[in-house]
N, C-alpha and C. Protein backbone atom coordinates (compact mmCIF):
# COMPACT_ATOMS: atom_id res chain seq x y z
N MET A 1 -88.68 -110.74 -67.12
CA MET A 1 -88.55 -109.50 -67.86
C MET A 1 -87.49 -108.59 -67.22
N ALA A 2 -87.36 -108.67 -65.91
CA ALA A 2 -86.34 -107.87 -65.23
C ALA A 2 -84.94 -108.27 -65.70
N ALA A 3 -84.74 -109.55 -65.95
CA ALA A 3 -83.44 -110.02 -66.43
C ALA A 3 -83.13 -109.44 -67.81
N ILE A 4 -84.14 -109.34 -68.65
CA ILE A 4 -83.96 -108.78 -69.99
C ILE A 4 -83.57 -107.31 -69.87
N ARG A 5 -84.28 -106.57 -69.01
CA ARG A 5 -83.97 -105.15 -68.83
C ARG A 5 -82.56 -104.96 -68.29
N GLY A 6 -82.17 -105.80 -67.34
CA GLY A 6 -80.83 -105.68 -66.76
C GLY A 6 -79.74 -105.99 -67.78
N ALA A 7 -79.95 -107.02 -68.57
CA ALA A 7 -78.96 -107.37 -69.59
C ALA A 7 -78.86 -106.27 -70.64
N LYS A 8 -80.01 -105.70 -71.00
CA LYS A 8 -80.02 -104.61 -71.98
C LYS A 8 -79.26 -103.40 -71.43
N ARG A 9 -79.51 -103.08 -70.18
CA ARG A 9 -78.84 -101.94 -69.55
C ARG A 9 -77.32 -102.16 -69.51
N ASP A 10 -76.90 -103.35 -69.10
CA ASP A 10 -75.48 -103.65 -69.00
C ASP A 10 -74.80 -103.61 -70.36
N ALA A 11 -75.44 -104.20 -71.36
CA ALA A 11 -74.86 -104.22 -72.71
C ALA A 11 -74.78 -102.81 -73.28
N ALA A 12 -75.83 -102.02 -73.08
CA ALA A 12 -75.82 -100.65 -73.60
C ALA A 12 -74.73 -99.82 -72.92
N LEU A 13 -74.51 -100.04 -71.64
CA LEU A 13 -73.44 -99.33 -70.93
C LEU A 13 -72.08 -99.73 -71.49
N LEU A 14 -71.86 -101.01 -71.69
CA LEU A 14 -70.60 -101.48 -72.25
C LEU A 14 -70.36 -100.92 -73.64
N ILE A 15 -71.38 -100.97 -74.48
CA ILE A 15 -71.26 -100.44 -75.84
C ILE A 15 -70.99 -98.94 -75.80
N GLY A 16 -71.71 -98.23 -74.95
CA GLY A 16 -71.50 -96.79 -74.83
C GLY A 16 -70.10 -96.44 -74.35
N CYS A 17 -69.61 -97.19 -73.39
CA CYS A 17 -68.25 -96.93 -72.88
C CYS A 17 -67.19 -97.15 -73.94
N THR A 18 -67.34 -98.23 -74.71
CA THR A 18 -66.36 -98.48 -75.77
C THR A 18 -66.42 -97.41 -76.85
N ASP A 19 -67.62 -96.89 -77.09
CA ASP A 19 -67.78 -95.82 -78.08
C ASP A 19 -67.12 -94.54 -77.58
N VAL A 20 -67.45 -94.15 -76.37
CA VAL A 20 -66.90 -92.90 -75.81
C VAL A 20 -65.38 -92.97 -75.68
N ALA A 21 -64.89 -94.15 -75.32
CA ALA A 21 -63.44 -94.32 -75.16
C ALA A 21 -62.71 -94.41 -76.49
N GLY A 22 -63.46 -94.52 -77.58
CA GLY A 22 -62.85 -94.59 -78.89
C GLY A 22 -62.26 -95.96 -79.22
N ARG A 23 -62.68 -96.99 -78.48
CA ARG A 23 -62.16 -98.34 -78.71
C ARG A 23 -62.80 -99.00 -79.92
N TRP A 24 -64.03 -98.62 -80.25
CA TRP A 24 -64.74 -99.18 -81.40
C TRP A 24 -65.06 -98.05 -82.36
N ASP A 25 -65.02 -98.36 -83.65
CA ASP A 25 -65.42 -97.38 -84.64
C ASP A 25 -66.96 -97.37 -84.75
N VAL A 26 -67.48 -96.44 -85.52
CA VAL A 26 -68.93 -96.26 -85.61
C VAL A 26 -69.62 -97.49 -86.19
N VAL A 27 -68.97 -98.17 -87.11
CA VAL A 27 -69.58 -99.36 -87.71
C VAL A 27 -69.72 -100.47 -86.66
N THR A 28 -68.70 -100.66 -85.85
CA THR A 28 -68.74 -101.69 -84.81
C THR A 28 -69.78 -101.35 -83.75
N VAL A 29 -69.85 -100.09 -83.35
CA VAL A 29 -70.84 -99.66 -82.37
C VAL A 29 -72.25 -99.87 -82.91
N THR A 30 -72.48 -99.46 -84.15
CA THR A 30 -73.80 -99.63 -84.76
C THR A 30 -74.17 -101.10 -84.86
N HIS A 31 -73.23 -101.92 -85.24
CA HIS A 31 -73.49 -103.37 -85.34
C HIS A 31 -73.83 -103.95 -83.97
N ALA A 32 -73.08 -103.55 -82.95
CA ALA A 32 -73.35 -104.05 -81.60
C ALA A 32 -74.72 -103.62 -81.11
N LEU A 33 -75.09 -102.37 -81.36
CA LEU A 33 -76.41 -101.88 -80.95
C LEU A 33 -77.53 -102.60 -81.70
N THR A 34 -77.30 -102.88 -82.97
CA THR A 34 -78.29 -103.61 -83.77
C THR A 34 -78.46 -105.03 -83.24
N GLN A 35 -77.36 -105.70 -82.96
CA GLN A 35 -77.44 -107.05 -82.40
C GLN A 35 -78.14 -107.04 -81.05
N LEU A 36 -77.83 -106.04 -80.22
CA LEU A 36 -78.48 -105.92 -78.92
C LEU A 36 -79.98 -105.76 -79.10
N ALA A 37 -80.39 -104.87 -79.99
CA ALA A 37 -81.82 -104.64 -80.22
C ALA A 37 -82.50 -105.91 -80.71
N ASP A 38 -81.88 -106.61 -81.65
CA ASP A 38 -82.47 -107.86 -82.16
C ASP A 38 -82.63 -108.88 -81.04
N THR A 39 -81.61 -109.01 -80.22
CA THR A 39 -81.64 -109.99 -79.13
C THR A 39 -82.69 -109.64 -78.09
N VAL A 40 -82.78 -108.35 -77.74
CA VAL A 40 -83.75 -107.92 -76.73
C VAL A 40 -85.18 -108.10 -77.23
N VAL A 41 -85.43 -107.75 -78.48
CA VAL A 41 -86.77 -107.92 -79.04
C VAL A 41 -87.14 -109.40 -79.07
N GLU A 42 -86.22 -110.25 -79.50
CA GLU A 42 -86.50 -111.69 -79.53
C GLU A 42 -86.78 -112.23 -78.13
N ALA A 43 -85.97 -111.81 -77.16
CA ALA A 43 -86.17 -112.28 -75.78
C ALA A 43 -87.50 -111.79 -75.22
N ALA A 44 -87.86 -110.55 -75.51
CA ALA A 44 -89.13 -110.01 -75.01
C ALA A 44 -90.32 -110.73 -75.64
N LEU A 45 -90.24 -111.00 -76.93
CA LEU A 45 -91.33 -111.73 -77.59
C LEU A 45 -91.45 -113.14 -77.04
N ASN A 46 -90.33 -113.81 -76.84
CA ASN A 46 -90.36 -115.14 -76.24
C ASN A 46 -90.98 -115.10 -74.85
N TRP A 47 -90.63 -114.09 -74.08
CA TRP A 47 -91.18 -113.95 -72.74
C TRP A 47 -92.70 -113.74 -72.82
N LEU A 48 -93.14 -112.89 -73.73
CA LEU A 48 -94.57 -112.63 -73.86
C LEU A 48 -95.35 -113.87 -74.28
N ILE A 49 -94.74 -114.67 -75.14
CA ILE A 49 -95.41 -115.87 -75.63
C ILE A 49 -95.39 -116.99 -74.60
N LEU A 50 -94.25 -117.19 -73.95
CA LEU A 50 -94.06 -118.33 -73.07
C LEU A 50 -94.51 -118.10 -71.64
N GLU A 51 -94.43 -116.88 -71.16
CA GLU A 51 -94.76 -116.58 -69.76
C GLU A 51 -96.19 -116.97 -69.39
N PRO A 52 -97.20 -116.59 -70.16
CA PRO A 52 -98.57 -116.98 -69.78
C PRO A 52 -98.74 -118.50 -69.73
N ARG A 53 -98.10 -119.20 -70.64
CA ARG A 53 -98.19 -120.66 -70.66
C ARG A 53 -97.53 -121.27 -69.41
N ASP A 54 -96.40 -120.70 -69.00
CA ASP A 54 -95.71 -121.18 -67.81
C ASP A 54 -96.53 -120.94 -66.55
N ARG A 55 -97.21 -119.81 -66.48
CA ARG A 55 -98.04 -119.51 -65.31
C ARG A 55 -99.27 -120.40 -65.25
N ALA A 56 -99.79 -120.77 -66.41
CA ALA A 56 -101.00 -121.59 -66.46
C ALA A 56 -100.71 -123.03 -66.03
N GLY A 57 -99.45 -123.42 -66.09
CA GLY A 57 -99.09 -124.76 -65.65
C GLY A 57 -99.05 -125.67 -66.78
């Protein structure tokens, strides 16, 4: 789960920097944030489902 949080933090920082710097328009920023959210939710759900099974052996 720490890896998911770290990746989310890094991606959000990159997206925010490109937005503030004016390198991406609002549509591109919104799309990137949406993709990030989808990916993070999917990874978190996979972790929740698979982690207990991995611990159980």
